PDB file of all heavy atoms in Angstrom:
ATOM      1  N   LEU A   1      19.839  11.922  -3.912  1.00  0.00           N
ATOM      2  CA  LEU A   1      18.409  12.202  -3.893  1.00  0.00           C
ATOM      3  C   LEU A   1      17.934  12.729  -5.255  1.00  0.00           C
ATOM      4  O   LEU A   1      16.754  12.671  -5.576  1.00  0.00           O
ATOM      5  CB  LEU A   1      18.090  13.217  -2.788  1.00  0.00           C
ATOM      6  CG  LEU A   1      16.658  13.355  -2.336  1.00  0.00           C
ATOM      7  CD1 LEU A   1      16.068  12.026  -1.895  1.00  0.00           C
ATOM      8  CD2 LEU A   1      16.546  14.366  -1.223  1.00  0.00           C
ATOM      9  N   GLY A   2      18.869  13.185  -6.059  1.00  0.00           N
ATOM     10  CA  GLY A   2      18.540  13.673  -7.394  1.00  0.00           C
ATOM     11  C   GLY A   2      18.574  12.603  -8.472  1.00  0.00           C
ATOM     12  O   GLY A   2      18.297  12.887  -9.637  1.00  0.00           O
ATOM     13  N   SER A   3      18.868  11.355  -8.098  1.00  0.00           N
ATOM     14  CA  SER A   3      18.903  10.280  -9.105  1.00  0.00           C
ATOM     15  C   SER A   3      17.485   9.760  -9.355  1.00  0.00           C
ATOM     16  O   SER A   3      16.554  10.022  -8.585  1.00  0.00           O
ATOM     17  CB  SER A   3      19.834   9.157  -8.652  1.00  0.00           C
ATOM     18  OG  SER A   3      19.375   8.565  -7.466  1.00  0.00           O
ATOM     19  N   HIS A   4      17.330   9.027 -10.430  1.00  0.00           N
ATOM     20  CA  HIS A   4      16.007   8.559 -10.857  1.00  0.00           C
ATOM     21  C   HIS A   4      15.432   7.498  -9.923  1.00  0.00           C
ATOM     22  O   HIS A   4      16.131   6.599  -9.467  1.00  0.00           O
ATOM     23  CB  HIS A   4      16.077   8.011 -12.281  1.00  0.00           C
ATOM     24  CG  HIS A   4      16.084   9.086 -13.306  1.00  0.00           C
ATOM     25  ND1 HIS A   4      17.209   9.798 -13.624  1.00  0.00           N
ATOM     26  CD2 HIS A   4      15.082   9.588 -14.063  1.00  0.00           C
ATOM     27  CE1 HIS A   4      16.912  10.700 -14.544  1.00  0.00           C
ATOM     28  NE2 HIS A   4      15.634  10.594 -14.829  1.00  0.00           N
ATOM     29  N   VAL A   5      14.125   7.613  -9.686  1.00  0.00           N
ATOM     30  CA  VAL A   5      13.390   6.642  -8.872  1.00  0.00           C
ATOM     31  C   VAL A   5      13.106   5.406  -9.720  1.00  0.00           C
ATOM     32  O   VAL A   5      12.633   5.518 -10.856  1.00  0.00           O
ATOM     33  CB  VAL A   5      12.069   7.255  -8.354  1.00  0.00           C
ATOM     34  CG1 VAL A   5      11.219   6.226  -7.635  1.00  0.00           C
ATOM     35  CG2 VAL A   5      12.360   8.445  -7.446  1.00  0.00           C
ATOM     36  N   VAL A   6      13.407   4.217  -9.169  1.00  0.00           N
ATOM     37  CA  VAL A   6      13.171   2.965  -9.895  1.00  0.00           C
ATOM     38  C   VAL A   6      12.079   2.109  -9.243  1.00  0.00           C
ATOM     39  O   VAL A   6      11.540   1.200  -9.871  1.00  0.00           O
ATOM     40  CB  VAL A   6      14.462   2.142 -10.041  1.00  0.00           C
ATOM     41  CG1 VAL A   6      15.469   2.887 -10.922  1.00  0.00           C
ATOM     42  CG2 VAL A   6      15.079   1.815  -8.695  1.00  0.00           C
ATOM     43  N   ALA A   7      11.760   2.371  -7.980  1.00  0.00           N
ATOM     44  CA  ALA A   7      10.701   1.643  -7.278  1.00  0.00           C
ATOM     45  C   ALA A   7      10.194   2.512  -6.136  1.00  0.00           C
ATOM     46  O   ALA A   7      10.892   3.421  -5.687  1.00  0.00           O
ATOM     47  CB  ALA A   7      11.225   0.312  -6.747  1.00  0.00           C
ATOM     48  N   TRP A   8       8.989   2.244  -5.678  1.00  0.00           N
ATOM     49  CA  TRP A   8       8.416   3.046  -4.605  1.00  0.00           C
ATOM     50  C   TRP A   8       7.316   2.273  -3.892  1.00  0.00           C
ATOM     51  O   TRP A   8       6.802   1.272  -4.388  1.00  0.00           O
ATOM     52  CB  TRP A   8       7.861   4.358  -5.149  1.00  0.00           C
ATOM     53  CG  TRP A   8       6.558   4.198  -5.886  1.00  0.00           C
ATOM     54  CD1 TRP A   8       5.308   4.435  -5.402  1.00  0.00           C
ATOM     55  CD2 TRP A   8       6.374   3.735  -7.214  1.00  0.00           C
ATOM     56  NE1 TRP A   8       4.368   4.157  -6.357  1.00  0.00           N
ATOM     57  CE2 TRP A   8       4.994   3.719  -7.496  1.00  0.00           C
ATOM     58  CE3 TRP A   8       7.233   3.333  -8.228  1.00  0.00           C
ATOM     59  CZ2 TRP A   8       4.464   3.320  -8.705  1.00  0.00           C
ATOM     60  CZ3 TRP A   8       6.714   2.927  -9.431  1.00  0.00           C
ATOM     61  CH2 TRP A   8       5.344   2.931  -9.670  1.00  0.00           C
ATOM     62  N   ALA A   9       6.968   2.771  -2.703  1.00  0.00           N
ATOM     63  CA  ALA A   9       5.822   2.269  -1.952  1.00  0.00           C
ATOM     64  C   ALA A   9       5.188   3.464  -1.243  1.00  0.00           C
ATOM     65  O   ALA A   9       5.883   4.374  -0.797  1.00  0.00           O
ATOM     66  CB  ALA A   9       6.253   1.221  -0.927  1.00  0.00           C
ATOM     67  N   PHE A  10       3.866   3.470  -1.145  1.00  0.00           N
ATOM     68  CA  PHE A  10       3.114   4.559  -0.523  1.00  0.00           C
ATOM     69  C   PHE A  10       2.234   3.967   0.568  1.00  0.00           C
ATOM     70  O   PHE A  10       1.509   3.003   0.336  1.00  0.00           O
ATOM     71  CB  PHE A  10       2.261   5.265  -1.582  1.00  0.00           C
ATOM     72  CG  PHE A  10       1.356   6.342  -1.048  1.00  0.00           C
ATOM     73  CD1 PHE A  10       1.875   7.459  -0.409  1.00  0.00           C
ATOM     74  CD2 PHE A  10      -0.011   6.249  -1.210  1.00  0.00           C
ATOM     75  CE1 PHE A  10       1.034   8.458   0.065  1.00  0.00           C
ATOM     76  CE2 PHE A  10      -0.863   7.245  -0.747  1.00  0.00           C
ATOM     77  CZ  PHE A  10      -0.331   8.348  -0.107  1.00  0.00           C
ATOM     78  N   HIS A  11       2.306   4.542   1.768  1.00  0.00           N
ATOM     79  CA  HIS A  11       1.520   4.087   2.909  1.00  0.00           C
ATOM     80  C   HIS A  11       0.702   5.271   3.416  1.00  0.00           C
ATOM     81  O   HIS A  11       1.263   6.309   3.777  1.00  0.00           O
ATOM     82  CB  HIS A  11       2.437   3.549   4.004  1.00  0.00           C
ATOM     83  CG  HIS A  11       3.426   2.549   3.483  1.00  0.00           C
ATOM     84  ND1 HIS A  11       3.100   1.242   3.245  1.00  0.00           N
ATOM     85  CD2 HIS A  11       4.723   2.689   3.116  1.00  0.00           C
ATOM     86  CE1 HIS A  11       4.156   0.606   2.770  1.00  0.00           C
ATOM     87  NE2 HIS A  11       5.150   1.464   2.682  1.00  0.00           N
ATOM     88  N   ASP A  12      -0.622   5.117   3.452  1.00  0.00           N
ATOM     89  CA  ASP A  12      -1.522   6.228   3.735  1.00  0.00           C
ATOM     90  C   ASP A  12      -2.223   6.058   5.079  1.00  0.00           C
ATOM     91  O   ASP A  12      -3.160   5.272   5.204  1.00  0.00           O
ATOM     92  CB  ASP A  12      -2.548   6.332   2.613  1.00  0.00           C
ATOM     93  CG  ASP A  12      -3.407   7.579   2.698  1.00  0.00           C
ATOM     94  OD1 ASP A  12      -3.212   8.377   3.643  1.00  0.00           O
ATOM     95  OD2 ASP A  12      -4.257   7.767   1.820  1.00  0.00           O
ATOM     96  N   GLY A  13      -1.772   6.800   6.076  1.00  0.00           N
ATOM     97  CA  GLY A  13      -2.390   6.774   7.395  1.00  0.00           C
ATOM     98  C   GLY A  13      -3.685   7.544   7.485  1.00  0.00           C
ATOM     99  O   GLY A  13      -4.326   7.556   8.533  1.00  0.00           O
ATOM    100  N   THR A  14      -4.102   8.187   6.386  1.00  0.00           N
ATOM    101  CA  THR A  14      -5.365   8.933   6.396  1.00  0.00           C
ATOM    102  C   THR A  14      -6.533   8.067   5.952  1.00  0.00           C
ATOM    103  O   THR A  14      -7.640   8.566   5.812  1.00  0.00           O
ATOM    104  CB  THR A  14      -5.304  10.174   5.475  1.00  0.00           C
ATOM    105  OG1 THR A  14      -5.305   9.749   4.107  1.00  0.00           O
ATOM    106  CG2 THR A  14      -4.101  11.038   5.772  1.00  0.00           C
ATOM    107  N   ASP A  15      -6.285   6.794   5.691  1.00  0.00           N
ATOM    108  CA  ASP A  15      -7.322   5.873   5.206  1.00  0.00           C
ATOM    109  C   ASP A  15      -7.966   6.372   3.919  1.00  0.00           C
ATOM    110  O   ASP A  15      -9.171   6.208   3.703  1.00  0.00           O
ATOM    111  CB  ASP A  15      -8.402   5.636   6.264  1.00  0.00           C
ATOM    112  CG  ASP A  15      -7.879   4.915   7.488  1.00  0.00           C
ATOM    113  OD1 ASP A  15      -6.940   4.101   7.330  1.00  0.00           O
ATOM    114  OD2 ASP A  15      -8.389   5.157   8.587  1.00  0.00           O
ATOM    115  N   GLY A  16      -7.176   7.016   3.060  1.00  0.00           N
ATOM    116  CA  GLY A  16      -7.692   7.490   1.777  1.00  0.00           C
ATOM    117  C   GLY A  16      -8.344   8.850   1.822  1.00  0.00           C
ATOM    118  O   GLY A  16      -8.855   9.331   0.818  1.00  0.00           O
ATOM    119  N   ASN A  17      -8.336   9.508   2.980  1.00  0.00           N
ATOM    120  CA  ASN A  17      -8.959  10.828   3.100  1.00  0.00           C
ATOM    121  C   ASN A  17      -7.978  11.970   2.863  1.00  0.00           C
ATOM    122  O   ASN A  17      -8.344  13.131   2.973  1.00  0.00           O
ATOM    123  CB  ASN A  17      -9.608  10.982   4.482  1.00  0.00           C
ATOM    124  CG  ASN A  17     -10.824  10.105   4.627  1.00  0.00           C
ATOM    125  OD1 ASN A  17     -11.682  10.084   3.759  1.00  0.00           O
ATOM    126  ND2 ASN A  17     -10.879   9.348   5.695  1.00  0.00           N
ATOM    127  N   GLY A  18      -6.728  11.650   2.569  1.00  0.00           N
ATOM    128  CA  GLY A  18      -5.726  12.659   2.285  1.00  0.00           C
ATOM    129  C   GLY A  18      -5.411  12.689   0.802  1.00  0.00           C
ATOM    130  O   GLY A  18      -5.914  11.874   0.033  1.00  0.00           O
ATOM    131  N   PRO A  19      -4.568  13.616   0.383  1.00  0.00           N
ATOM    132  CA  PRO A  19      -4.190  13.660  -1.026  1.00  0.00           C
ATOM    133  C   PRO A  19      -3.404  12.412  -1.403  1.00  0.00           C
ATOM    134  O   PRO A  19      -2.697  11.831  -0.592  1.00  0.00           O
ATOM    135  CB  PRO A  19      -3.329  14.923  -1.122  1.00  0.00           C
ATOM    136  CG  PRO A  19      -2.864  15.184   0.263  1.00  0.00           C
ATOM    137  CD  PRO A  19      -3.907  14.628   1.184  1.00  0.00           C
ATOM    138  N   ASP A  20      -3.560  11.998  -2.635  1.00  0.00           N
ATOM    139  CA  ASP A  20      -2.859  10.825  -3.143  1.00  0.00           C
ATOM    140  C   ASP A  20      -1.520  11.258  -3.728  1.00  0.00           C
ATOM    141  O   ASP A  20      -1.219  12.449  -3.818  1.00  0.00           O
ATOM    142  CB  ASP A  20      -3.712  10.145  -4.214  1.00  0.00           C
ATOM    143  CG  ASP A  20      -3.441   8.656  -4.336  1.00  0.00           C
ATOM    144  OD1 ASP A  20      -2.470   8.170  -3.720  1.00  0.00           O
ATOM    145  OD2 ASP A  20      -4.194   7.974  -5.050  1.00  0.00           O
ATOM    146  N   ILE A  21      -0.713  10.302  -4.133  1.00  0.00           N
ATOM    147  CA  ILE A  21       0.527  10.625  -4.823  1.00  0.00           C
ATOM    148  C   ILE A  21       0.202  10.837  -6.297  1.00  0.00           C
ATOM    149  O   ILE A  21      -0.822  10.343  -6.783  1.00  0.00           O
ATOM    150  CB  ILE A  21       1.591   9.516  -4.638  1.00  0.00           C
ATOM    151  CG1 ILE A  21       1.060   8.159  -5.061  1.00  0.00           C
ATOM    152  CG2 ILE A  21       2.086   9.477  -3.210  1.00  0.00           C
ATOM    153  CD1 ILE A  21       2.087   7.039  -5.019  1.00  0.00           C
ATOM    154  N   PRO A  22       1.034  11.582  -7.030  1.00  0.00           N
ATOM    155  CA  PRO A  22       0.747  11.822  -8.445  1.00  0.00           C
ATOM    156  C   PRO A  22       0.636  10.516  -9.228  1.00  0.00           C
ATOM    157  O   PRO A  22       1.442   9.610  -9.054  1.00  0.00           O
ATOM    158  CB  PRO A  22       1.950  12.630  -8.919  1.00  0.00           C
ATOM    159  CG  PRO A  22       2.519  13.243  -7.691  1.00  0.00           C
ATOM    160  CD  PRO A  22       2.236  12.268  -6.585  1.00  0.00           C
ATOM    161  N   ASP A  23      -0.381  10.404 -10.055  1.00  0.00           N
ATOM    162  CA  ASP A  23      -0.583   9.224 -10.894  1.00  0.00           C
ATOM    163  C   ASP A  23       0.161   9.418 -12.211  1.00  0.00           C
ATOM    164  O   ASP A  23      -0.087  10.368 -12.932  1.00  0.00           O
ATOM    165  CB  ASP A  23      -2.075   9.028 -11.153  1.00  0.00           C
ATOM    166  CG  ASP A  23      -2.366   7.771 -11.946  1.00  0.00           C
ATOM    167  OD1 ASP A  23      -1.451   6.922 -12.088  1.00  0.00           O
ATOM    168  OD2 ASP A  23      -3.506   7.622 -12.411  1.00  0.00           O
ATOM    169  N   ARG A  24       1.086   8.516 -12.484  1.00  0.00           N
ATOM    170  CA  ARG A  24       1.899   8.633 -13.696  1.00  0.00           C
ATOM    171  C   ARG A  24       1.800   7.364 -14.538  1.00  0.00           C
ATOM    172  O   ARG A  24       2.770   6.907 -15.100  1.00  0.00           O
ATOM    173  CB  ARG A  24       3.343   8.928 -13.329  1.00  0.00           C
ATOM    174  CG  ARG A  24       3.520  10.270 -12.618  1.00  0.00           C
ATOM    175  CD  ARG A  24       4.929  10.501 -12.130  1.00  0.00           C
ATOM    176  NE  ARG A  24       5.972  10.118 -13.039  1.00  0.00           N
ATOM    177  CZ  ARG A  24       6.587  10.929 -13.897  1.00  0.00           C
ATOM    178  NH1 ARG A  24       6.249  12.182 -13.943  1.00  0.00           N
ATOM    179  NH2 ARG A  24       7.546  10.479 -14.676  1.00  0.00           N
ATOM    180  N   ASP A  25       0.621   6.768 -14.602  1.00  0.00           N
ATOM    181  CA  ASP A  25       0.378   5.587 -15.440  1.00  0.00           C
ATOM    182  C   ASP A  25       1.345   4.447 -15.155  1.00  0.00           C
ATOM    183  O   ASP A  25       1.951   3.887 -16.061  1.00  0.00           O
ATOM    184  CB  ASP A  25       0.436   5.962 -16.923  1.00  0.00           C
ATOM    185  CG  ASP A  25      -0.620   6.988 -17.302  1.00  0.00           C
ATOM    186  OD1 ASP A  25      -1.724   6.920 -16.738  1.00  0.00           O
ATOM    187  OD2 ASP A  25      -0.341   7.848 -18.149  1.00  0.00           O
ATOM    188  N   GLY A  26       1.518   4.100 -13.884  1.00  0.00           N
ATOM    189  CA  GLY A  26       2.373   2.983 -13.519  1.00  0.00           C
ATOM    190  C   GLY A  26       3.831   3.341 -13.319  1.00  0.00           C
ATOM    191  O   GLY A  26       4.597   2.535 -12.825  1.00  0.00           O
ATOM    192  N   SER A  27       4.226   4.539 -13.696  1.00  0.00           N
ATOM    193  CA  SER A  27       5.589   5.000 -13.468  1.00  0.00           C
ATOM    194  C   SER A  27       5.704   5.502 -12.035  1.00  0.00           C
ATOM    195  O   SER A  27       4.685   5.756 -11.377  1.00  0.00           O
ATOM    196  CB  SER A  27       5.938   6.137 -14.430  1.00  0.00           C
ATOM    197  OG  SER A  27       5.862   5.694 -15.758  1.00  0.00           O
ATOM    198  N   PRO A  28       6.928   5.676 -11.535  1.00  0.00           N
ATOM    199  CA  PRO A  28       7.071   6.232 -10.181  1.00  0.00           C
ATOM    200  C   PRO A  28       6.353   7.584 -10.056  1.00  0.00           C
ATOM    201  O   PRO A  28       6.260   8.329 -11.038  1.00  0.00           O
ATOM    202  CB  PRO A  28       8.586   6.402 -10.028  1.00  0.00           C
ATOM    203  CG  PRO A  28       9.174   5.404 -10.965  1.00  0.00           C
ATOM    204  CD  PRO A  28       8.226   5.344 -12.127  1.00  0.00           C
ATOM    205  N   PRO A  29       5.854   7.914  -8.869  1.00  0.00           N
ATOM    206  CA  PRO A  29       5.114   9.169  -8.692  1.00  0.00           C
ATOM    207  C   PRO A  29       5.986  10.406  -8.875  1.00  0.00           C
ATOM    208  O   PRO A  29       5.480  11.480  -9.171  1.00  0.00           O
ATOM    209  CB  PRO A  29       4.588   9.075  -7.267  1.00  0.00           C
ATOM    210  CG  PRO A  29       5.494   8.106  -6.586  1.00  0.00           C
ATOM    211  CD  PRO A  29       5.940   7.142  -7.642  1.00  0.00           C
ATOM    212  N   TYR A  30       7.286  10.259  -8.674  1.00  0.00           N
ATOM    213  CA  TYR A  30       8.228  11.365  -8.871  1.00  0.00           C
ATOM    214  C   TYR A  30       9.412  10.825  -9.668  1.00  0.00           C
ATOM    215  O   TYR A  30       9.819   9.683  -9.480  1.00  0.00           O
ATOM    216  CB  TYR A  30       8.705  11.928  -7.529  1.00  0.00           C
ATOM    217  CG  TYR A  30       7.569  12.510  -6.720  1.00  0.00           C
ATOM    218  CD1 TYR A  30       6.997  11.778  -5.682  1.00  0.00           C
ATOM    219  CD2 TYR A  30       7.066  13.776  -7.002  1.00  0.00           C
ATOM    220  CE1 TYR A  30       5.942  12.292  -4.950  1.00  0.00           C
ATOM    221  CE2 TYR A  30       6.011  14.291  -6.279  1.00  0.00           C
ATOM    222  CZ  TYR A  30       5.447  13.554  -5.249  1.00  0.00           C
ATOM    223  OH  TYR A  30       4.396  14.067  -4.533  1.00  0.00           O
ATOM    224  N   VAL A  31       9.991  11.647 -10.515  1.00  0.00           N
ATOM    225  CA  VAL A  31      11.148  11.232 -11.304  1.00  0.00           C
ATOM    226  C   VAL A  31      12.368  11.088 -10.402  1.00  0.00           C
ATOM    227  O   VAL A  31      13.142  10.143 -10.534  1.00  0.00           O
ATOM    228  CB  VAL A  31      11.424  12.230 -12.456  1.00  0.00           C
ATOM    229  CG1 VAL A  31      12.693  11.865 -13.203  1.00  0.00           C
ATOM    230  CG2 VAL A  31      10.229  12.269 -13.403  1.00  0.00           C
ATOM    231  N   THR A  32      12.519  12.015  -9.449  1.00  0.00           N
ATOM    232  CA  THR A  32      13.636  11.973  -8.498  1.00  0.00           C
ATOM    233  C   THR A  32      13.111  12.228  -7.089  1.00  0.00           C
ATOM    234  O   THR A  32      11.980  12.700  -6.904  1.00  0.00           O
ATOM    235  CB  THR A  32      14.704  13.045  -8.815  1.00  0.00           C
ATOM    236  OG1 THR A  32      14.157  14.342  -8.517  1.00  0.00           O
ATOM    237  CG2 THR A  32      15.171  12.993 -10.259  1.00  0.00           C
ATOM    238  N   GLY A  33      13.934  11.956  -6.093  1.00  0.00           N
ATOM    239  CA  GLY A  33      13.583  12.279  -4.723  1.00  0.00           C
ATOM    240  C   GLY A  33      13.471  13.781  -4.503  1.00  0.00           C
ATOM    241  O   GLY A  33      12.663  14.241  -3.695  1.00  0.00           O
ATOM    242  N   LEU A  34      14.264  14.554  -5.225  1.00  0.00           N
ATOM    243  CA  LEU A  34      14.188  16.019  -5.111  1.00  0.00           C
ATOM    244  C   LEU A  34      12.821  16.531  -5.542  1.00  0.00           C
ATOM    245  O   LEU A  34      12.293  17.490  -4.959  1.00  0.00           O
ATOM    246  CB  LEU A  34      15.289  16.677  -5.943  1.00  0.00           C
ATOM    247  CG  LEU A  34      16.707  16.532  -5.411  1.00  0.00           C
ATOM    248  CD1 LEU A  34      17.717  17.133  -6.392  1.00  0.00           C
ATOM    249  CD2 LEU A  34      16.842  17.181  -4.039  1.00  0.00           C
ATOM    250  N   ASP A  35      12.224  15.875  -6.545  1.00  0.00           N
ATOM    251  CA  ASP A  35      10.879  16.272  -6.979  1.00  0.00           C
ATOM    252  C   ASP A  35       9.871  16.073  -5.848  1.00  0.00           C
ATOM    253  O   ASP A  35       8.957  16.878  -5.680  1.00  0.00           O
ATOM    254  CB  ASP A  35      10.459  15.468  -8.207  1.00  0.00           C
ATOM    255  CG  ASP A  35      11.281  15.803  -9.433  1.00  0.00           C
ATOM    256  OD1 ASP A  35      11.799  16.939  -9.537  1.00  0.00           O
ATOM    257  OD2 ASP A  35      11.419  14.917 -10.305  1.00  0.00           O
ATOM    258  N   ALA A  36      10.033  15.012  -5.076  1.00  0.00           N
ATOM    259  CA  ALA A  36       9.140  14.771  -3.933  1.00  0.00           C
ATOM    260  C   ALA A  36       9.327  15.857  -2.873  1.00  0.00           C
ATOM    261  O   ALA A  36       8.348  16.343  -2.296  1.00  0.00           O
ATOM    262  CB  ALA A  36       9.393  13.389  -3.342  1.00  0.00           C
ATOM    263  N   LEU A  37      10.566  16.254  -2.616  1.00  0.00           N
ATOM    264  CA  LEU A  37      10.818  17.338  -1.658  1.00  0.00           C
ATOM    265  C   LEU A  37      10.163  18.629  -2.125  1.00  0.00           C
ATOM    266  O   LEU A  37       9.567  19.361  -1.323  1.00  0.00           O
ATOM    267  CB  LEU A  37      12.318  17.563  -1.474  1.00  0.00           C
ATOM    268  CG  LEU A  37      13.103  16.482  -0.743  1.00  0.00           C
ATOM    269  CD1 LEU A  37      14.574  16.875  -0.668  1.00  0.00           C
ATOM    270  CD2 LEU A  37      12.551  16.219   0.639  1.00  0.00           C
ATOM    271  N   ARG A  38      10.259  18.914  -3.403  1.00  0.00           N
ATOM    272  CA  ARG A  38       9.657  20.137  -3.954  1.00  0.00           C
ATOM    273  C   ARG A  38       8.132  20.113  -3.848  1.00  0.00           C
ATOM    274  O   ARG A  38       7.486  21.153  -3.859  1.00  0.00           O
ATOM    275  CB  ARG A  38      10.082  20.316  -5.410  1.00  0.00           C
ATOM    276  CG  ARG A  38      11.539  20.653  -5.557  1.00  0.00           C
ATOM    277  CD  ARG A  38      11.927  20.871  -7.028  1.00  0.00           C
ATOM    278  NE  ARG A  38      13.355  21.011  -7.147  1.00  0.00           N
ATOM    279  CZ  ARG A  38      14.166  20.135  -7.764  1.00  0.00           C
ATOM    280  NH1 ARG A  38      13.652  19.070  -8.354  1.00  0.00           N
ATOM    281  NH2 ARG A  38      15.459  20.347  -7.813  1.00  0.00           N
TER     282      ARG A  38
END
């Protein structure tokens, strides 16, 4: 879970009314899975 993220997908059941994932200019939203847990 601490290794680097190489691909991702985000599915939003709030229809856009919830917080988004961090925008990193086309890069994965988190560097590692541990960052997402944090």
